[in-house]
Protein backbone atom coordinates (compact mmCIF):
# COMPACT_ATOMS: atom_id res chain seq x y z
CA MET A 1 0.00 0.00 0.00
CA GLU A 2 1.38 3.40 -0.97
CA LEU A 3 2.00 6.03 1.70
CA LYS A 4 -0.92 8.16 0.49
CA ASP A 5 -3.31 5.19 0.73
CA LYS A 6 -2.03 4.29 4.22
CA ILE A 7 -2.63 7.81 5.50
CA LEU A 8 -6.03 7.98 3.80
CA ASP A 9 -7.00 4.67 5.40
CA LYS A 10 -5.77 5.89 8.80
CA TYR A 11 -8.05 8.93 8.75
CA ARG A 12 -10.94 6.93 7.22
CA THR A 13 -10.65 4.34 10.00
CA LYS A 14 -10.46 6.93 12.77
CA ILE A 15 -13.61 8.60 11.46
CA ILE A 16 -15.61 5.40 10.93
CA HIS A 17 -14.47 3.97 14.28
CA GLY A 18 -15.60 7.17 15.98
CA GLU A 19 -12.18 8.34 17.17
CA LEU A 20 -12.81 11.48 15.14
CA LYS A 21 -16.46 12.39 15.73
CA SER A 22 -18.82 14.46 13.61
CA GLY A 23 -17.93 18.14 13.96
CA THR A 24 -14.29 17.51 14.91
CA ILE A 25 -11.98 19.99 13.21
CA MET A 26 -9.59 18.27 10.80
CA PRO A 27 -5.93 19.28 10.34
CA THR A 28 -5.33 21.91 7.70
CA GLN A 29 -3.58 20.91 4.49
CA ARG A 30 -0.32 22.31 5.85
CA GLU A 31 -0.75 20.62 9.25
CA MET A 32 -1.49 17.26 7.66
CA ALA A 33 1.53 17.58 5.40
CA GLU A 34 3.79 18.35 8.36
CA ASN A 35 2.28 15.72 10.67
CA GLU A 36 2.44 12.93 8.08
CA SER A 37 5.68 14.00 6.36
CA ILE A 38 4.02 14.32 2.97
CA SER A 39 3.69 17.10 0.41
CA LYS A 40 0.83 19.58 0.48
CA SER A 41 -0.46 18.19 -2.81
CA VAL A 42 -0.68 14.66 -1.35
CA ALA A 43 -2.39 16.03 1.77
CA ASN A 44 -4.86 17.85 -0.48
CA SER A 45 -5.60 14.68 -2.46
CA ILE A 46 -6.28 12.79 0.80
CA LYS A 47 -8.74 15.45 1.95
CA ILE A 48 -10.45 15.41 -1.46
CA ALA A 49 -10.82 11.60 -1.22
CA LEU A 50 -12.27 11.82 2.30
CA GLU A 51 -14.73 14.48 1.17
CA LYS A 52 -15.86 12.37 -1.79
CA GLU A 53 -16.44 9.52 0.66
CA GLY A 54 -18.68 11.85 2.65
CA LEU A 55 -16.45 11.63 5.72
CA ILE A 56 -15.38 15.28 5.92
CA THR A 57 -16.84 18.62 4.89
CA THR A 58 -14.72 21.57 3.81
CA TYR A 59 -16.03 25.09 4.10
CA PRO A 60 -14.44 27.52 1.60
CA ARG A 61 -11.76 29.71 3.23
CA LYS A 62 -12.74 28.19 6.59
CA LYS A 63 -12.22 24.97 8.53
CA THR A 64 -12.63 21.33 7.50
CA VAL A 65 -14.66 19.15 9.88
CA VAL A 66 -15.69 15.51 10.19
CA ALA A 67 -19.04 15.22 8.43
CA ASP A 68 -22.29 13.71 9.70
CA TRP A 69 -21.55 10.75 7.44
CA LYS A 70 -23.96 8.33 9.14
CA ASN A 71 -27.00 10.47 8.38
CA TYR A 72 -25.82 12.20 5.20
CA PRO A 73 -23.64 9.74 3.26
CA THR A 74 -22.48 10.06 -0.33
CA PRO A 75 -22.49 7.20 -2.88
CA LEU A 76 -18.88 6.46 -1.85
CA THR A 77 -19.53 6.28 1.91
CA LEU A 78 -20.63 2.64 1.89
CA PRO A 79 -17.53 1.39 0.01
CA ALA A 80 -15.42 3.30 2.55
CA ILE A 81 -17.25 1.61 5.44
CA VAL A 82 -16.75 -1.79 3.82
CA LYS A 83 -13.01 -1.18 3.45
CA VAL A 84 -12.73 -0.55 7.18
CA ALA A 85 -15.10 -3.35 8.19
CA GLU A 86 -13.25 -6.03 6.21
CA ARG A 87 -9.85 -4.97 7.52
CA LEU A 88 -10.46 -3.73 11.05
CA PRO A 89 -14.05 -4.29 12.25
CA ASN A 90 -15.24 -3.01 15.59
CA GLU A 91 -18.34 -3.80 17.62
CA GLU A 92 -20.49 -1.10 15.99
CA LEU A 93 -19.60 -2.21 12.46
CA ILE A 94 -20.27 -5.86 13.28
CA LYS A 95 -23.67 -4.99 14.72
CA ALA A 96 -24.61 -2.87 11.70
CA PHE A 97 -23.66 -5.51 9.15
CA GLU A 98 -25.25 -8.29 11.19
CA GLU A 99 -28.56 -6.43 11.39
CA PHE A 100 -28.46 -5.83 7.66
CA ARG A 101 -27.67 -9.50 7.00
CA ILE A 102 -30.37 -10.78 9.37
CA ILE A 103 -33.04 -8.63 7.71
CA ASN A 104 -32.05 -9.43 4.14
CA GLU A 105 -30.69 -12.96 4.10
CA GLY A 106 -33.97 -14.49 5.30
CA LYS A 107 -35.79 -12.77 2.44
CA CYS A 108 -33.12 -13.96 0.02
CA ALA A 109 -33.60 -17.54 1.21
CA ALA A 110 -37.35 -17.21 0.58
CA LEU A 111 -36.75 -15.86 -2.92
CA ALA A 112 -34.16 -18.57 -3.55
CA ALA A 113 -36.77 -21.23 -2.69
CA GLN A 114 -39.11 -19.72 -5.29
CA ARG A 115 -36.55 -19.15 -8.04
CA ARG A 116 -33.62 -21.54 -7.54
CA THR A 117 -32.35 -23.62 -10.41
CA ASP A 118 -30.81 -27.07 -10.28
CA GLU A 119 -27.45 -25.38 -10.85
CA ASP A 120 -28.02 -23.17 -7.79
CA ILE A 121 -28.73 -26.25 -5.64
CA LYS A 122 -25.63 -27.96 -6.95
CA HIS A 123 -23.51 -24.93 -6.11
CA LEU A 124 -24.94 -24.62 -2.59
CA ARG A 125 -24.47 -28.33 -1.90
CA SER A 126 -20.85 -28.06 -2.95
CA ALA A 127 -20.29 -25.05 -0.65
CA LEU A 128 -22.00 -26.77 2.29
CA LYS A 129 -19.86 -29.86 1.83
CA LYS A 130 -16.76 -27.64 2.00
CA ILE A 131 -18.03 -25.99 5.20
CA ILE A 132 -18.58 -29.33 6.92
CA SER A 133 -15.24 -30.80 5.85
CA SER A 134 -13.08 -27.69 6.33
CA GLU A 135 -10.20 -28.07 8.77
CA LYS A 136 -8.48 -24.74 8.19
CA MET A 137 -9.71 -21.25 9.00
CA GLU A 138 -9.20 -20.02 5.42
CA ASP A 139 -11.13 -22.95 3.94
CA PHE A 140 -13.96 -22.47 6.45
CA ALA A 141 -14.23 -18.74 5.70
CA ASP A 142 -14.08 -19.31 1.93
CA ALA A 143 -16.80 -21.96 2.06
CA HIS A 144 -19.08 -19.82 4.24
CA LEU A 145 -18.68 -16.93 1.84
CA GLU A 146 -19.45 -19.20 -1.09
CA PHE A 147 -22.59 -20.60 0.58
CA HIS A 148 -24.08 -17.29 1.69
CA LYS A 149 -23.24 -15.56 -1.56
CA GLY A 150 -24.82 -18.54 -3.33
CA ILE A 151 -28.12 -17.85 -1.55
CA PHE A 152 -28.04 -14.21 -2.62
CA ILE A 153 -27.38 -15.33 -6.19
CA ALA A 154 -30.10 -18.01 -6.06
CA SER A 155 -32.61 -15.25 -5.29
CA HIS A 156 -32.09 -14.18 -8.92
CA ASN A 157 -32.39 -10.56 -7.87
CA PHE A 158 -29.30 -8.90 -9.32
CA LEU A 159 -29.24 -6.22 -6.60
CA TYR A 160 -28.84 -8.85 -3.88
CA ALA A 161 -26.09 -10.51 -5.90
CA ALA A 162 -24.35 -7.13 -6.24
CA ILE A 163 -24.64 -6.52 -2.49
CA ALA A 164 -23.19 -9.95 -1.73
CA GLU A 165 -20.23 -9.19 -4.00
CA SER A 166 -19.71 -5.75 -2.43
CA PHE A 167 -19.79 -7.17 1.09
CA LYS A 168 -17.76 -10.30 0.41
CA GLY A 169 -14.71 -8.99 2.25
CA VAL A 170 -16.84 -8.38 5.33
CA PHE A 171 -18.51 -11.79 5.14
CA TYR A 172 -15.09 -13.42 4.77
CA CYS A 173 -13.86 -11.55 7.85
CA TRP A 174 -16.91 -12.74 9.81
CA GLY A 175 -16.19 -16.34 8.78
CA ARG A 176 -12.66 -16.03 10.11
CA LEU A 177 -13.90 -14.55 13.39
CA ASN A 178 -16.30 -17.45 13.81
CA TYR A 179 -13.80 -20.23 13.14
CA ASP A 180 -13.49 -22.63 16.09
CA THR A 181 -16.58 -21.14 17.75
CA ASP A 182 -20.02 -22.62 18.27
CA LEU A 183 -20.99 -21.46 14.79
CA ARG A 184 -19.36 -24.61 13.47
CA LYS A 185 -22.12 -26.49 15.31
CA THR A 186 -24.80 -24.79 13.20
CA ASN A 187 -24.07 -26.87 10.11
CA GLU A 188 -27.35 -28.73 10.68
CA LEU A 189 -29.19 -25.43 10.31
CA LEU A 190 -27.43 -24.78 7.01
CA GLU A 191 -28.45 -28.24 5.84
CA LYS A 192 -32.08 -27.45 6.76
CA ILE A 193 -31.95 -24.16 4.86
CA LEU A 194 -30.69 -25.91 1.77
CA GLU A 195 -33.27 -28.68 2.17
CA TYR A 196 -36.15 -26.18 2.24
CA ILE A 197 -34.75 -24.20 -0.68
CA GLU A 198 -34.52 -27.40 -2.69
CA LYS A 199 -38.14 -28.24 -1.75
CA LYS A 200 -39.18 -24.71 -2.80
CA ASP A 201 -40.62 -24.06 0.65
CA SER A 202 -40.25 -20.27 0.94
CA MET A 203 -41.72 -19.93 4.43
CA MET A 204 -39.49 -22.55 6.03
CA SER A 205 -36.44 -21.39 4.08
CA GLU A 206 -36.86 -17.90 5.50
CA ALA A 207 -37.62 -19.17 9.02
CA SER A 208 -34.59 -21.47 9.04
CA MET A 209 -32.31 -18.72 7.77
CA ASN A 210 -33.62 -16.35 10.44
CA ILE A 211 -32.84 -18.93 13.13
CA TYR A 212 -29.36 -19.41 11.71
CA SER A 213 -28.78 -15.64 11.55
CA TYR A 214 -29.91 -15.27 15.16
CA GLU A 215 -27.52 -18.00 16.32
CA SER A 216 -24.74 -16.38 14.32
CA SER A 217 -25.44 -12.96 15.84
CA LEU A 218 -25.21 -14.39 19.38
CA ILE A 219 -21.71 -15.61 18.58
CA LEU A 220 -20.65 -12.35 16.97
CA ASN A 221 -21.89 -10.47 20.03
CA SER A 222 -19.01 -12.10 21.89
CA TYR A 223 -16.65 -10.63 19.26
CA PRO A 224 -14.12 -9.11 21.70
CA LYS A 225 -13.55 -12.57 23.19
CA HIS A 226 -12.29 -14.19 20.03
CA ILE A 227 -10.97 -11.43 17.74
């Protein structure tokens, strides 16, 4: 990672983690250049990038402050959040992504039951087999990502598929956090989800996924214990 990107990521992470709160005055271009041992032009490009991500607001001929990015994001705010969440998640980020996943993955499972193809079932069975047989953290995380992304894809709603692709780094991180925890004991729930999707039972597919998501969230709530 280039120096500019490292410094940009440092400020992005501090803002998204809440170390720099909304309204906090940011260093001037000159101050940033001096503090980070970079040129003024590089400091300016970092501030421009942060502003495009909706994380800071610059007032002409006045100060630059941390923006109210949670309530007034830009189209680039979510990708910035994902970059931080997949590299250095904290409790707030985990909770936010888990709530999003719980709400949406159940609905995806229901849609998958209605719309799945034989090829979708084949893909999900292959991913589940990898989850059950995985003995390494990387294999476990990869297989979990493949299975959950497969459900989003099997919904045959391209927006859900796009979301799954955008969040894949976060989902992979969650899989790594959950390795060697009780989540490995929920394989039976995954088997039930797949069984109901194959039977085209939308109601039970959604219910089973909601149970699985709830069990998963309980484990992730103990995040500080096994990071």
